């Protein structure tokens, strides 16, 4: 926070209105300055007005003892009452301060005391407090408690902290020096703005503890798991290498067996072709037998032709014979083709029978190899499962 101005009237030894504008020259640019004067001139009253406006009390009445003092109204008033600063013979008085809060905004806070009907010996009325923003004039708080709390939030200092740091009344400099170490540290942090470093220190300490616990947990987990020594690790690596070599060898054997399986597939295809050839041979033989019956019928018809005595019958017989001859020629040609087909089918049948015998021999020899291949496949699967 930063004080901009102090004003007041009818406070203790300062009866006339006064104003100290710290934001205007020559005080604004003077940096360090002193308030001097004769005893009773009102030097301490200016500081009292500063505290009174901000917190509703001032150091000279914040004493520990309980005591009352006479008042012009005829009633006793506690020496802790801020209204006791009201000047004798005055019907009212006030203290006012302009300041910049911790939020960077400008505020004006006011304390005011009045006597009944404004008379010098009138009964003291309840003090009035107000806090509002200077920039737009909007009210922030009113009332004794509300204004005190609002000022504390915006200055980040309680009255006791303000009294011991920003304002040290006469004879009270030792109050700061004699304060507890933790209390002085808190006050110094607020004055110098170094509380952030304390927060950083706490966070670093907490983070270090958390990381230390994490490391210890990881070390415990490592100890629970256990690590292999170099000899055991090397043994596992050697076993892995041997398994990889075995897998490669079994893979090559599998490829060889796949080639042999392809060969047997081709043998099965040859058998299928042989079956079709046999079927064609049977069909050709049946066609030949059918043609032989027809030929026998024609021979029998030829034996009956000489019995026709008539020329017409002979001519008809000749036409019939000619037709029969033509048909016979066709049948002979068909017979020759059937015989040729039969011969080819017989040859194919013989070749197929030979191939079948060879295939059966190969299959007979392949039985042990097939069993060996199945055994190797089982070993290969077991080796992969172990890896």
Protein backbone atom coordinates (compact mmCIF):
# COMPACT_ATOMS: atom_id res chain seq x y z
CA UNK A 1 0.00 0.00 0.00
CA UNK A 2 0.97 3.67 -0.34
CA UNK A 3 -0.41 6.68 1.55
CA UNK A 4 -1.47 9.55 -0.74
CA UNK A 5 -2.90 12.12 1.69
CA UNK A 6 -3.83 12.69 5.36
CA UNK A 7 -6.59 15.10 6.44
CA UNK A 8 -8.35 15.92 9.66
CA UNK A 9 -9.98 18.48 11.90
CA UNK A 10 -10.52 18.96 15.62
CA UNK A 11 -8.26 16.14 16.64
CA UNK A 12 -6.33 16.61 19.93
CA UNK A 13 -3.98 19.58 19.52
CA UNK A 14 -4.93 20.17 15.84
CA UNK A 15 -8.12 22.18 15.95
CA UNK A 16 -8.11 23.68 12.45
CA UNK A 17 -8.58 21.58 9.30
CA UNK A 18 -5.27 20.23 8.02
CA UNK A 19 -4.12 18.30 4.96
CA UNK A 20 -0.81 16.65 4.07
CA UNK A 21 -0.76 15.73 0.37
CA UNK A 22 2.01 13.20 -0.10
CA UNK A 23 1.21 12.82 -3.82
CA UNK A 24 1.90 16.51 -4.58
CA UNK A 25 5.13 18.47 -4.56
CA UNK A 26 7.30 19.11 -2.69
CA UNK A 27 6.58 15.92 -0.68
CA UNK A 28 5.98 13.70 -3.72
CA UNK A 29 9.58 14.07 -4.90
CA UNK A 30 11.34 14.47 -1.58
CA UNK A 31 11.67 10.75 -0.82
CA UNK A 32 12.56 11.00 2.87
CA UNK A 33 11.20 13.82 5.00
CA UNK A 34 10.65 14.59 8.71
CA UNK A 35 7.76 16.04 10.68
CA UNK A 36 9.18 18.47 13.27
CA UNK A 37 7.71 20.88 15.79
CA UNK A 38 7.39 21.88 19.40
CA UNK A 39 6.03 19.47 21.96
CA UNK A 40 2.25 19.50 21.69
CA UNK A 41 2.35 20.96 18.16
CA UNK A 42 0.46 17.92 16.80
CA UNK A 43 3.17 15.73 15.25
CA UNK A 44 1.84 12.55 16.84
CA UNK A 45 -1.75 13.65 16.17
CA UNK A 46 -1.06 13.50 12.41
CA UNK A 47 0.03 9.88 12.84
CA UNK A 48 -2.98 9.26 15.08
CA UNK A 49 -5.24 10.62 12.34
CA UNK A 50 -3.61 8.21 9.84
CA UNK A 51 -4.35 5.20 12.06
CA UNK A 52 -7.76 6.48 13.11
CA UNK A 53 -8.96 6.86 9.52
CA UNK A 54 -7.68 3.41 8.49
CA UNK A 55 -8.49 1.28 11.54
CA UNK A 56 -10.71 3.36 13.88
CA UNK A 57 -8.06 3.44 16.64
CA UNK A 58 -4.60 4.87 17.19
CA UNK A 59 -1.51 3.73 19.13
CA UNK A 60 -1.83 6.09 22.08
CA UNK A 61 -5.15 4.52 23.12
CA UNK A 62 -4.22 0.90 22.37
CA UNK A 63 -2.81 0.32 25.80
CA UNK A 64 -3.29 -2.81 27.84
CA UNK A 65 -4.81 -1.27 30.98
CA UNK A 66 -8.50 -0.58 31.48
CA UNK A 67 -9.18 3.01 32.44
CA UNK A 68 -11.82 5.68 31.92
CA UNK A 69 -11.32 9.39 31.31
CA UNK A 70 -13.73 12.31 31.91
CA UNK A 71 -15.59 13.74 28.92
CA UNK A 72 -17.08 17.26 28.44
CA UNK A 73 -20.52 15.64 28.21
CA UNK A 74 -20.20 14.65 31.84
CA UNK A 75 -19.95 10.96 31.08
CA UNK A 76 -16.82 8.88 31.49
CA UNK A 77 -15.27 7.49 28.32
CA UNK A 78 -12.85 4.58 28.00
CA UNK A 79 -9.32 5.53 27.08
CA UNK A 80 -9.52 2.79 24.42
CA UNK A 81 -12.30 4.68 22.64
CA UNK A 82 -11.03 6.43 19.49
CA UNK A 83 -13.51 9.26 20.07
CA UNK A 84 -11.36 10.35 23.03
CA UNK A 85 -9.10 12.15 20.50
CA UNK A 86 -11.87 14.68 19.73
CA UNK A 87 -10.59 18.17 20.66
CA UNK A 88 -12.04 19.88 23.71
CA UNK A 89 -14.62 22.44 22.73
CA UNK A 90 -15.32 20.86 19.33
CA UNK A 91 -18.73 19.50 18.36
CA UNK A 92 -17.32 17.22 15.66
CA UNK A 93 -14.07 16.04 14.13
CA UNK A 94 -12.81 13.71 11.43
CA UNK A 95 -9.75 11.92 10.06
CA UNK A 96 -9.43 11.03 6.38
CA UNK A 97 -6.77 9.17 4.38
CA UNK A 98 -6.26 8.56 0.67
CA UNK A 99 -4.22 5.46 -0.17
CA UNK A 100 -3.38 2.98 -2.91
CA UNK A 101 -4.37 -0.58 -1.99
CA UNK A 102 -2.57 -3.81 -2.73
CA UNK A 103 -4.87 -4.22 -5.75
CA UNK A 104 -3.50 -0.98 -7.30
CA UNK A 105 -6.74 1.01 -6.87
CA UNK A 106 -7.02 4.35 -5.07
CA UNK A 107 -9.31 4.60 -2.01
CA UNK A 108 -10.47 7.20 0.53
CA UNK A 109 -11.30 6.06 4.03
CA UNK A 110 -12.91 8.39 6.62
CA UNK A 111 -13.49 8.33 10.37
CA UNK A 112 -15.84 10.90 11.90
CA UNK A 113 -17.07 11.63 15.43
CA UNK A 114 -19.89 14.00 16.41
CA UNK A 115 -21.48 15.28 19.58
CA UNK A 116 -25.21 15.65 20.06
CA UNK A 117 -26.57 18.74 18.25
CA UNK A 118 -22.98 19.73 17.44
CA UNK A 119 -22.54 21.19 20.93
CA UNK A 120 -19.10 21.11 22.58
CA UNK A 121 -20.51 19.42 25.68
CA UNK A 122 -22.99 17.23 23.80
CA UNK A 123 -23.10 13.51 24.24
CA UNK A 124 -20.74 11.60 21.95
CA UNK A 125 -22.54 9.90 19.09
CA UNK A 126 -21.52 6.64 17.42
CA UNK A 127 -18.51 7.08 15.16
CA UNK A 128 -19.09 6.96 11.41
CA UNK A 129 -16.86 5.07 8.99
CA UNK A 130 -16.83 4.97 5.17
CA UNK A 131 -14.59 3.63 2.40
CA UNK A 132 -15.01 4.39 -1.29
CA UNK A 133 -12.98 4.43 -4.49
CA UNK A 134 -11.48 7.71 -5.63
CA UNK A 135 -11.62 6.97 -9.36
CA UNK A 136 -15.40 6.52 -9.67
CA UNK A 137 -16.63 7.47 -6.18
CA UNK A 138 -18.31 4.09 -5.67
CA UNK A 139 -18.81 2.99 -2.07
CA UNK A 140 -16.88 -0.06 -0.87
CA UNK A 141 -18.03 -0.33 2.75
CA UNK A 142 -19.72 1.60 5.54
CA UNK A 143 -19.86 0.92 9.26
CA UNK A 144 -17.12 0.39 11.81
CA UNK A 145 -16.56 -3.36 11.41
CA UNK A 146 -17.14 -3.52 7.65
CA UNK A 147 -14.72 -0.68 6.89
CA UNK A 148 -12.04 -2.09 9.18
CA UNK A 149 -12.23 -5.51 7.47
CA UNK A 150 -12.25 -3.96 3.99
CA UNK A 151 -9.19 -1.83 4.78
CA UNK A 152 -7.38 -4.88 6.18
CA UNK A 153 -7.99 -6.77 2.95
CA UNK A 154 -6.77 -3.93 0.77
CA UNK A 155 -3.70 -3.06 2.85
CA UNK A 156 -2.94 -6.68 3.79
CA UNK A 157 -2.09 -5.39 7.29
CA UNK A 158 -3.97 -5.53 10.56
CA UNK A 159 -3.89 -2.53 12.90
CA UNK A 160 -1.30 -4.19 15.11
CA UNK A 161 0.91 -5.02 12.10
CA UNK A 162 0.47 -1.49 10.71
CA UNK A 163 1.34 0.01 14.12
CA UNK A 164 4.52 -2.04 14.43
CA UNK A 165 5.80 -1.53 10.88
CA UNK A 166 4.45 1.39 8.92
CA UNK A 167 3.80 3.46 12.01
CA UNK A 168 5.90 3.24 15.16
CA UNK A 169 4.52 5.61 17.75
CA UNK A 170 6.68 7.36 20.29
CA UNK A 171 8.43 4.90 22.55
CA UNK A 172 7.08 1.86 20.67
CA UNK A 173 9.99 1.08 18.32
CA UNK A 174 10.96 -1.71 20.69
CA UNK A 175 7.54 -3.32 20.07
CA UNK A 176 8.76 -4.44 16.66
CA UNK A 177 12.17 -5.49 17.95
CA UNK A 178 10.69 -7.47 20.84
CA UNK A 179 8.05 -9.22 18.72
CA UNK A 180 8.27 -12.99 18.27
CA UNK A 181 10.57 -14.19 15.48
CA UNK A 182 7.72 -15.71 13.44
CA UNK A 183 5.68 -12.51 13.83
CA UNK A 184 8.61 -10.30 12.74
CA UNK A 185 9.21 -12.56 9.73
CA UNK A 186 5.56 -12.26 8.70
CA UNK A 187 5.66 -8.46 9.06
CA UNK A 188 8.89 -8.14 7.09
CA UNK A 189 7.49 -10.32 4.29
CA UNK A 190 4.45 -8.09 4.00
CA UNK A 191 6.56 -4.91 4.09
CA UNK A 192 9.14 -6.04 1.52
CA UNK A 193 6.78 -8.11 -0.64
CA UNK A 194 8.95 -11.22 -0.26
CA UNK A 195 6.18 -13.55 0.92
CA UNK A 196 6.28 -15.17 -2.51
CA UNK A 197 9.73 -16.54 -1.68
CA UNK A 198 8.40 -18.16 1.45
CA UNK A 199 5.64 -19.76 -0.62
CA UNK A 200 8.21 -20.96 -3.16
CA UNK A 201 10.35 -22.39 -0.36
CA UNK A 202 7.38 -24.30 1.03
CA UNK A 203 6.47 -25.66 -2.40
CA UNK A 204 10.08 -26.68 -3.10
CA UNK A 205 10.28 -28.41 0.27
CA UNK A 206 6.98 -30.23 -0.32
CA UNK A 207 8.06 -31.18 -3.85
CA UNK A 208 11.40 -32.48 -2.57
CA UNK A 209 9.67 -34.62 0.05
CA UNK A 210 7.24 -35.99 -2.55
CA UNK A 211 10.05 -36.86 -4.96
CA UNK A 212 12.09 -38.42 -2.16
CA UNK A 213 9.14 -40.62 -1.21
CA UNK A 214 8.65 -41.55 -4.87
CA UNK A 215 12.33 -42.54 -5.20
CA UNK A 216 12.15 -44.62 -2.02
CA UNK A 217 9.03 -46.35 -3.30
CA UNK A 218 10.70 -47.13 -6.62
CA UNK A 219 13.77 -48.48 -4.81
CA UNK A 220 11.57 -50.74 -2.69
CA UNK A 221 9.81 -52.01 -5.82
CA UNK A 222 13.19 -52.66 -7.44
CA UNK A 223 14.37 -54.60 -4.41
CA UNK A 224 11.14 -56.63 -4.38
CA UNK A 225 11.47 -57.53 -8.06
CA UNK A 226 15.19 -58.38 -7.91
CA UNK A 227 17.69 -58.17 -10.78
CA UNK A 228 19.50 -60.98 -12.60
CA UNK A 229 23.25 -61.20 -12.25
CA UNK A 230 25.46 -61.07 -15.36
CA UNK A 231 25.89 -64.86 -15.54
CA UNK A 232 22.16 -65.60 -15.38
CA UNK A 233 21.41 -62.85 -17.89
CA UNK A 234 24.07 -64.20 -20.29
CA UNK A 235 22.64 -67.73 -19.94
CA UNK A 236 19.20 -66.46 -20.94
CA UNK A 237 20.69 -64.59 -23.90
CA UNK A 238 22.53 -67.76 -25.05
CA UNK A 239 19.33 -69.77 -24.75
CA UNK A 240 17.48 -67.15 -26.75
CA UNK A 241 20.14 -67.32 -29.48
CA UNK A 242 19.93 -71.14 -29.63
CA UNK A 243 16.15 -71.00 -29.87
CA UNK A 244 16.40 -68.47 -32.69
CA UNK A 245 18.79 -70.82 -34.57
CA UNK A 246 16.45 -73.77 -34.00
CA UNK A 247 13.51 -71.78 -35.27
CA UNK A 248 15.42 -70.88 -38.43
CA UNK A 249 16.38 -74.54 -39.02
CA UNK A 250 12.83 -75.78 -38.48
CA UNK A 251 11.59 -73.10 -40.83
CA UNK A 252 13.89 -74.41 -43.58
CA UNK A 253 12.69 -77.97 -42.97
CA UNK A 254 9.11 -76.78 -43.11
CA UNK A 255 9.78 -75.22 -46.52
CA UNK A 256 11.20 -78.54 -47.80
CA UNK A 257 8.17 -80.44 -46.59
CA UNK A 258 5.91 -77.89 -48.22
CA UNK A 259 7.66 -78.57 -51.53
CA UNK A 260 7.12 -82.32 -51.13
CA UNK A 261 3.47 -81.70 -50.29
CA UNK A 262 3.14 -79.76 -53.54
CA UNK A 263 4.60 -82.78 -55.37
CA UNK A 264 2.01 -85.10 -53.88
CA UNK A 265 -0.70 -82.64 -54.85
CA UNK A 266 0.51 -82.97 -58.43
CA UNK A 267 0.38 -86.81 -58.09
CA UNK A 268 -3.22 -86.53 -56.92
CA UNK A 269 -4.00 -84.41 -59.99
CA UNK A 270 -2.41 -87.12 -62.22
CA UNK A 271 -4.63 -89.72 -60.63
CA UNK A 272 -7.65 -87.64 -61.42
CA UNK A 273 -6.54 -87.43 -65.07
CA UNK A 274 -6.07 -91.24 -65.13
CA UNK A 275 -9.60 -91.78 -63.88
CA UNK A 276 -10.97 -89.58 -66.65
CA UNK A 277 -8.88 -91.51 -69.26
CA UNK A 278 -10.23 -94.83 -68.02
CA UNK A 279 -13.78 -93.53 -68.33
CA UNK A 280 -13.11 -92.46 -71.92
CA UNK A 281 -11.67 -95.95 -72.72
CA UNK A 282 -14.80 -97.62 -71.38
CA UNK A 283 -16.95 -95.35 -73.54
CA UNK A 284 -14.86 -96.14 -76.66
CA UNK A 285 -15.17 -99.91 -76.06
CA UNK A 286 -18.92 -99.61 -75.72
CA UNK A 287 -19.11 -97.69 -79.01
CA UNK A 288 -17.09 -100.40 -80.75
CA UNK A 289 -19.40 -103.14 -79.53
CA UNK A 290 -22.44 -101.18 -80.72
CA UNK A 291 -20.89 -100.82 -84.19
CA UNK A 292 -20.16 -104.60 -84.37
CA UNK A 293 -23.83 -105.49 -83.86
CA UNK A 294 -24.84 -103.15 -86.62
CA UNK A 295 -22.28 -104.67 -88.98
CA UNK A 296 -23.57 -108.17 -88.28
CA UNK A 297 -27.08 -107.03 -89.14
CA UNK A 298 -25.92 -105.67 -92.49
CA UNK A 299 -24.20 -108.98 -93.31
CA UNK A 300 -27.39 -110.87 -92.68
CA UNK A 301 -29.30 -108.51 -94.99
CA UNK A 302 -26.78 -109.10 -97.77
CA UNK A 303 -27.41 -112.88 -97.62
CA UNK A 304 -31.13 -112.28 -98.30
CA UNK A 305 -30.67 -110.14 -101.45
CA UNK A 306 -30.04 -113.03 -103.98
CA UNK A 307 -33.50 -114.39 -103.25
CA UNK A 308 -35.15 -111.48 -105.11
CA UNK A 309 -35.97 -112.73 -108.60
CA UNK A 310 -37.29 -109.70 -110.15
CA UNK A 311 -35.09 -107.07 -111.76
CA UNK A 312 -36.91 -104.42 -109.91
CA UNK A 313 -36.19 -106.16 -106.80
CA UNK A 314 -32.60 -106.44 -107.93
CA UNK A 315 -32.46 -102.76 -108.73
CA UNK A 316 -34.03 -101.93 -105.45
CA UNK A 317 -31.65 -104.32 -103.89
CA UNK A 318 -28.78 -102.57 -105.65
CA UNK A 319 -29.98 -99.18 -104.44
CA UNK A 320 -30.35 -100.64 -101.05
CA UNK A 321 -26.97 -102.25 -101.33
CA UNK A 322 -25.47 -98.97 -102.49
CA UNK A 323 -26.96 -97.21 -99.54
CA UNK A 324 -25.80 -100.04 -97.33
CA UNK A 325 -22.33 -99.83 -98.82
CA UNK A 326 -22.22 -96.12 -98.14
CA UNK A 327 -23.33 -96.73 -94.65
CA UNK A 328 -20.83 -99.57 -94.34
CA UNK A 329 -18.06 -97.30 -95.47
CA UNK A 330 -19.03 -94.85 -92.81
CA UNK A 331 -19.18 -97.60 -90.26
CA UNK A 332 -15.79 -98.87 -91.33
CA UNK A 333 -14.39 -95.42 -90.92
CA UNK A 334 -16.08 -95.17 -87.52
CA UNK A 335 -14.68 -98.61 -86.71
CA UNK A 336 -11.20 -97.54 -87.62
CA UNK A 337 -11.56 -94.40 -85.54
CA UNK A 338 -12.94 -96.46 -82.63
CA UNK A 339 -10.07 -98.90 -82.94
CA UNK A 340 -7.62 -96.02 -83.00
CA UNK A 341 -9.31 -94.44 -79.97
CA UNK A 342 -9.25 -97.85 -78.25
CA UNK A 343 -5.56 -98.20 -78.98
CA UNK A 344 -4.84 -94.74 -77.61
CA UNK A 345 -7.00 -95.40 -74.55
CA UNK A 346 -5.19 -98.69 -73.99
CA UNK A 347 -1.87 -96.88 -74.13
CA UNK A 348 -3.09 -94.14 -71.77
CA UNK A 349 -4.47 -96.81 -69.46
CA UNK A 350 -1.12 -98.57 -69.39
CA UNK A 351 0.67 -95.28 -68.71
CA UNK A 352 -1.82 -94.40 -66.01
CA UNK A 353 -1.43 -97.82 -64.40
CA UNK A 354 2.35 -97.34 -64.43
CA UNK A 355 2.05 -93.82 -62.97
CA UNK A 356 -0.37 -95.09 -60.38
CA UNK A 357 2.08 -97.76 -59.34
CA UNK A 358 4.86 -95.21 -59.09
CA UNK A 359 2.62 -92.85 -57.12
CA UNK A 360 1.63 -95.60 -54.74
CA UNK A 361 5.31 -96.41 -54.26
CA UNK A 362 6.06 -92.74 -53.58
CA UNK A 363 3.17 -92.52 -51.14
CA UNK A 364 4.37 -95.67 -49.42
CA UNK A 365 7.85 -94.15 -49.05
CA UNK A 366 6.39 -90.75 -47.98
CA UNK A 367 4.61 -92.19 -44.93
CA UNK A 368 7.64 -92.03 -42.60
CA UNK A 369 8.56 -88.59 -43.93
CA UNK A 370 5.04 -87.34 -43.26
CA UNK A 371 5.24 -88.61 -39.67
CA UNK A 372 8.65 -86.94 -39.28
CA UNK A 373 7.21 -83.66 -40.63
CA UNK A 374 4.38 -83.76 -38.09
CA UNK A 375 6.90 -84.37 -35.29
CA UNK A 376 9.07 -81.46 -36.45
CA UNK A 377 6.01 -79.17 -36.65
CA UNK A 378 5.17 -80.08 -33.04
CA UNK A 379 8.73 -79.31 -31.94
CA UNK A 380 8.65 -76.02 -33.84
CA UNK A 381 5.40 -74.99 -32.13
CA UNK A 382 6.85 -75.92 -28.72
CA UNK A 383 10.01 -73.90 -29.44
CA UNK A 384 7.96 -70.83 -30.40
CA UNK A 385 5.91 -71.15 -27.22
CA UNK A 386 9.07 -71.28 -25.12
CA UNK A 387 10.47 -68.13 -26.78
